[in-house]
Protein backbone atom coordinates (compact mmCIF):
# COMPACT_ATOMS: atom_id res chain seq x y z
CA UNK A 1 -17.00 22.74 -7.12
CA UNK A 2 -15.39 21.07 -4.11
CA UNK A 3 -18.74 19.70 -2.95
CA UNK A 4 -19.66 18.28 -6.36
CA UNK A 5 -16.20 16.85 -6.97
CA UNK A 6 -15.61 15.04 -3.71
CA UNK A 7 -19.30 14.54 -3.04
CA UNK A 8 -19.48 12.59 -6.29
CA UNK A 9 -16.59 10.39 -5.17
CA UNK A 10 -18.39 9.62 -1.89
CA UNK A 11 -21.59 8.85 -3.81
CA UNK A 12 -19.74 6.41 -6.10
CA UNK A 13 -18.28 4.57 -3.11
CA UNK A 14 -21.68 4.45 -1.38
CA UNK A 15 -23.39 3.08 -4.50
CA UNK A 16 -20.65 0.50 -5.04
CA UNK A 17 -20.86 -0.97 -1.54
CA UNK A 18 -24.67 -0.81 -1.52
CA UNK A 19 -24.75 -2.83 -4.75
CA UNK A 20 -22.23 -5.23 -3.24
CA UNK A 21 -24.60 -5.86 -0.32
CA UNK A 22 -27.40 -6.40 -2.84
CA UNK A 23 -25.38 -9.17 -4.51
CA UNK A 24 -24.64 -7.39 -7.80
CA UNK A 25 -21.55 -8.66 -9.62
CA UNK A 26 -18.35 -6.66 -9.32
CA UNK A 27 -18.34 -5.56 -12.99
CA UNK A 28 -21.85 -4.12 -12.85
CA UNK A 29 -21.18 -2.56 -9.45
CA UNK A 30 -18.37 -0.54 -11.05
CA UNK A 31 -20.43 0.38 -14.13
CA UNK A 32 -23.56 1.46 -12.26
CA UNK A 33 -21.76 3.31 -9.46
CA UNK A 34 -19.66 5.19 -12.00
CA UNK A 35 -22.30 6.04 -14.57
CA UNK A 36 -24.95 7.50 -12.24
CA UNK A 37 -22.79 10.35 -10.81
CA UNK A 38 -21.25 10.89 -14.27
CA UNK A 39 -24.66 11.42 -15.88
CA UNK A 40 -25.66 13.53 -12.88
CA UNK A 41 -22.75 15.96 -13.23
CA UNK A 42 -23.37 16.22 -16.99
CA UNK A 43 -27.01 17.13 -16.44
CA UNK A 44 -26.04 19.54 -13.66
CA UNK A 45 -23.50 21.23 -15.93
CA UNK A 46 -26.21 22.02 -18.49
CA UNK A 47 -27.77 24.50 -16.09
CA UNK A 48 -24.66 25.41 -14.04
CA UNK A 49 -21.90 25.59 -16.64
CA UNK A 50 -18.48 26.12 -15.04
CA UNK A 51 -16.37 25.42 -18.10
CA UNK A 52 -15.17 22.40 -20.05
CA UNK A 53 -12.10 22.04 -17.82
CA UNK A 54 -14.25 21.69 -14.69
CA UNK A 55 -16.48 19.11 -16.36
CA UNK A 56 -13.45 17.14 -17.57
CA UNK A 57 -11.98 17.19 -14.06
CA UNK A 58 -15.21 15.76 -12.61
CA UNK A 59 -15.50 13.07 -15.26
CA UNK A 60 -11.87 12.00 -14.91
CA UNK A 61 -12.07 11.69 -11.13
CA UNK A 62 -15.44 9.90 -11.20
CA UNK A 63 -14.20 7.33 -13.72
CA UNK A 64 -10.99 6.88 -11.75
CA UNK A 65 -12.89 6.29 -8.51
CA UNK A 66 -15.19 3.70 -10.07
CA UNK A 67 -12.20 2.00 -11.74
CA UNK A 68 -10.26 1.76 -8.47
CA UNK A 69 -13.25 0.25 -6.66
CA UNK A 70 -13.84 -2.26 -9.47
CA UNK A 71 -10.18 -3.32 -9.58
CA UNK A 72 -10.02 -3.71 -5.81
CA UNK A 73 -13.23 -5.74 -5.82
CA UNK A 74 -11.96 -7.97 -8.60
CA UNK A 75 -8.65 -8.55 -6.80
CA UNK A 76 -10.47 -9.72 -3.68
CA UNK A 77 -12.54 -12.43 -5.38
CA UNK A 78 -10.23 -15.14 -4.06
CA UNK A 79 -10.38 -15.01 -0.30
CA UNK A 80 -6.96 -15.02 1.39
CA UNK A 81 -5.00 -14.53 -1.86
CA UNK A 82 -2.59 -11.65 -2.36
CA UNK A 83 -3.50 -8.95 -4.84
CA UNK A 84 -1.66 -9.23 -8.16
CA UNK A 85 0.85 -6.46 -8.83
CA UNK A 86 -0.97 -5.22 -11.97
CA UNK A 87 -4.28 -4.22 -10.30
CA UNK A 88 -2.30 -3.02 -7.28
CA UNK A 89 -0.33 -0.70 -9.58
CA UNK A 90 -3.51 0.65 -11.17
CA UNK A 91 -5.12 1.25 -7.78
CA UNK A 92 -2.03 3.04 -6.47
CA UNK A 93 -1.88 5.20 -9.60
CA UNK A 94 -5.50 6.33 -9.32
CA UNK A 95 -5.18 7.02 -5.60
CA UNK A 96 -2.14 9.20 -6.26
CA UNK A 97 -4.05 10.89 -9.09
CA UNK A 98 -6.93 11.75 -6.76
CA UNK A 99 -4.53 13.11 -4.13
CA UNK A 100 -2.74 15.26 -6.74
CA UNK A 101 -6.05 16.63 -8.03
CA UNK A 102 -7.07 17.54 -4.50
CA UNK A 103 -3.74 19.30 -3.94
CA UNK A 104 -3.95 21.22 -7.23
CA UNK A 105 -7.55 22.21 -6.50
CA UNK A 106 -6.61 23.50 -3.06
CA UNK A 107 -3.69 25.50 -4.49
CA UNK A 108 -5.90 26.95 -7.23
CA UNK A 109 -8.54 28.09 -4.74
CA UNK A 110 -6.38 29.20 -1.81
CA UNK A 111 -2.83 29.43 -3.13
CA UNK A 112 0.30 27.83 -1.77
CA UNK A 113 0.82 27.95 2.01
CA UNK A 114 3.22 30.81 2.86
CA UNK A 115 5.90 28.41 4.12
CA UNK A 116 5.80 26.36 0.91
CA UNK A 117 5.72 29.49 -1.27
CA UNK A 118 8.88 30.85 0.38
CA UNK A 119 10.60 27.54 -0.27
CA UNK A 120 9.71 27.00 -3.94
CA UNK A 121 9.03 30.47 -5.40
CA UNK A 122 11.65 33.11 -6.23
CA UNK A 123 11.63 36.33 -4.17
CA UNK A 124 8.80 34.99 -1.97
CA UNK A 125 10.91 35.59 1.14
CA UNK A 126 11.29 39.30 0.38
CA UNK A 127 7.71 40.11 -0.62
CA UNK A 128 4.20 38.66 -0.52
CA UNK A 129 3.38 36.42 -3.47
CA UNK A 130 -0.25 35.52 -4.25
CA UNK A 131 -0.62 32.14 -5.90
CA UNK A 132 -4.39 31.66 -5.87
CA UNK A 133 -6.17 31.63 -9.24
CA UNK A 134 -7.23 35.18 -10.08
CA UNK A 135 -9.30 34.50 -13.20
CA UNK A 136 -8.57 34.66 -16.90
CA UNK A 137 -5.45 36.63 -17.85
CA UNK A 138 -5.24 38.35 -21.26
CA UNK A 139 -2.15 37.84 -23.43
CA UNK A 140 -2.56 40.66 -25.94
CA UNK A 141 -0.76 43.97 -26.40
CA UNK A 142 -2.72 45.54 -23.56
CA UNK A 143 -1.49 42.79 -21.22
CA UNK A 144 2.12 43.61 -22.17
CA UNK A 145 1.48 47.28 -21.40
CA UNK A 146 0.07 46.28 -18.01
CA UNK A 147 3.22 44.33 -17.15
CA UNK A 148 5.39 47.29 -18.20
CA UNK A 149 3.31 49.68 -16.10
CA UNK A 150 3.55 47.36 -13.09
CA UNK A 151 7.34 47.18 -13.31
CA UNK A 152 7.55 50.96 -13.67
CA UNK A 153 5.32 51.45 -10.63
CA UNK A 154 7.40 49.00 -8.58
CA UNK A 155 10.61 50.91 -9.40
CA UNK A 156 9.00 54.25 -8.53
CA UNK A 157 7.88 52.90 -5.16
CA UNK A 158 11.35 51.56 -4.48
CA UNK A 159 12.86 54.98 -5.13
CA UNK A 160 10.35 56.64 -2.80
CA UNK A 161 11.57 54.44 0.05
CA UNK A 162 8.44 54.96 2.15
CA UNK A 163 8.16 52.74 5.22
CA UNK A 164 4.72 51.43 6.13
CA UNK A 165 3.50 49.75 9.30
CA UNK A 166 -0.04 48.39 9.45
CA UNK A 167 -1.72 47.17 12.63
CA UNK A 168 -5.13 45.65 13.27
CA UNK A 169 -5.71 43.70 10.06
CA UNK A 170 -4.90 40.32 11.61
CA UNK A 171 -7.44 40.78 14.40
CA UNK A 172 -10.56 41.37 12.29
CA UNK A 173 -13.71 39.29 12.77
CA UNK A 174 -16.82 39.15 10.56
CA UNK A 175 -19.65 41.47 11.55
CA UNK A 176 -17.50 43.50 13.96
CA UNK A 177 -15.91 46.84 13.16
CA UNK A 178 -12.20 46.98 13.92
CA UNK A 179 -9.66 49.78 14.01
CA UNK A 180 -6.76 49.56 11.57
CA UNK A 181 -3.74 51.79 12.18
CA UNK A 182 -1.21 52.84 9.56
CA UNK A 183 2.11 54.50 10.40
CA UNK A 184 4.04 56.11 7.53
CA UNK A 185 7.56 57.45 7.29
CA UNK A 186 9.67 58.63 4.38
CA UNK A 187 13.15 57.59 3.24
CA UNK A 188 14.72 59.71 5.98
CA UNK A 189 12.55 58.05 8.68
CA UNK A 190 10.52 61.24 9.10
CA UNK A 191 6.71 61.01 9.62
CA UNK A 192 4.85 61.16 6.33
CA UNK A 193 2.28 63.94 6.72
CA UNK A 194 -0.65 65.11 4.56
CA UNK A 195 -1.12 61.78 2.79
CA UNK A 196 -4.37 60.38 1.44
CA UNK A 197 -4.63 56.81 2.78
CA UNK A 198 -7.24 54.33 1.49
CA UNK A 199 -7.80 50.64 2.14
CA UNK A 200 -9.56 48.39 -0.37
CA UNK A 201 -10.66 44.89 0.64
CA UNK A 202 -11.40 42.23 -1.97
CA UNK A 203 -11.50 38.48 -2.37
CA UNK A 204 -8.33 36.88 -3.77
CA UNK A 205 -10.22 34.80 -6.35
CA UNK A 206 -12.49 36.68 -8.72
CA UNK A 207 -14.43 38.60 -6.08
CA UNK A 208 -15.53 42.18 -6.60
CA UNK A 209 -14.04 44.79 -4.32
CA UNK A 210 -16.14 47.04 -2.14
CA UNK A 211 -15.83 50.76 -1.59
CA UNK A 212 -12.38 52.01 -0.48
CA UNK A 213 -12.11 52.95 3.20
CA UNK A 214 -10.78 56.44 3.86
CA UNK A 215 -8.29 56.78 6.73
CA UNK A 216 -8.18 59.85 8.96
CA UNK A 217 -4.90 61.51 9.95
CA UNK A 218 -3.98 61.21 13.65
CA UNK A 219 -0.72 63.20 13.57
CA UNK A 220 2.98 62.28 13.32
CA UNK A 221 2.48 60.10 10.24
CA UNK A 222 -0.29 58.06 11.85
CA UNK A 223 -3.60 57.27 10.14
CA UNK A 224 -6.61 55.32 11.36
CA UNK A 225 -9.71 53.78 9.80
CA UNK A 226 -12.71 51.63 10.72
CA UNK A 227 -12.94 48.31 8.87
CA UNK A 228 -16.04 46.11 8.81
CA UNK A 229 -16.22 42.79 6.96
CA UNK A 230 -19.44 40.77 6.88
CA UNK A 231 -18.00 37.49 5.62
CA UNK A 232 -15.16 35.32 6.99
CA UNK A 233 -12.42 33.75 4.89
CA UNK A 234 -9.47 34.96 2.85
CA UNK A 235 -9.27 38.62 1.82
CA UNK A 236 -6.68 40.81 0.14
CA UNK A 237 -6.16 44.22 1.76
CA UNK A 238 -4.83 46.76 -0.76
CA UNK A 239 -3.41 49.87 0.89
CA UNK A 240 -3.09 52.94 -1.32
CA UNK A 241 -1.13 56.04 -0.20
CA UNK A 242 -1.08 59.25 -2.23
CA UNK A 243 0.81 62.45 -1.42
CA UNK A 244 1.02 65.04 -4.15
CA UNK A 245 2.26 63.35 -7.32
CA UNK A 246 3.65 60.36 -5.41
CA UNK A 247 1.68 57.16 -5.00
CA UNK A 248 2.49 53.97 -3.11
CA UNK A 249 0.44 50.78 -3.14
CA UNK A 250 0.94 47.57 -1.23
CA UNK A 251 -1.20 44.50 -0.58
CA UNK A 252 -1.46 41.81 2.07
CA UNK A 253 -3.53 38.65 2.26
CA UNK A 254 -5.46 38.30 5.51
CA UNK A 255 -7.75 35.68 7.00
CA UNK A 256 -10.91 36.77 8.79
CA UNK A 257 -12.00 34.11 11.29
CA UNK A 258 -15.21 33.69 13.26
CA UNK A 259 -15.13 34.61 16.93
CA UNK A 260 -14.62 31.57 19.17
CA UNK A 261 -17.44 30.98 21.57
């Protein structure tokens, strides 16, 4: 979506200035440069449907880009004259609109930066908050049951008081197996023995998770596992710990970067 959205804006600008060099009037430069990418994205959407909201976002930004270029071209017809405040206001508005759309798109795909999230979201300083779009969310009775179950699970984990230290997740690279260490202790700071530890890695936005990784016990509440990721980018590591009837689950967002040459 990012490539079609901003690629279309670049195409509109390229068409506009190419038509300007060809001597086409400013009005028709705006119409032609705006209508070609607009028809293109509509035809593309027929075979690659991403939803009416995505199509509307493309159309709005394409029309805004062509409008801004047309207004700026019209305001510059008199050489050396200052731009009137009305077209200047329209141009400023559409530029701000494009910047806001880019910001919202980035937040939807990757979430708020951790520093910003801690500043604007409640409880973000005490626990990890994931703000990237996770797909459609149901709002029926089953969804209410899910919220209730989540709150119950959170309270149970708080009462357990288990302490968890994870090492090795931040140093992973695509295509290379890495060792991840987990150290567990109970409420009394005693090593947590005989636990079943699993790690599940999944994409934060609509990606399917792979097979859980089983961790082997290394004594004194220490567990170790081999983690291999083939693709770089953002991942969510979900750590699940089970001992008897007790279960503890925690998650952390990680970034897997390519090795620097």
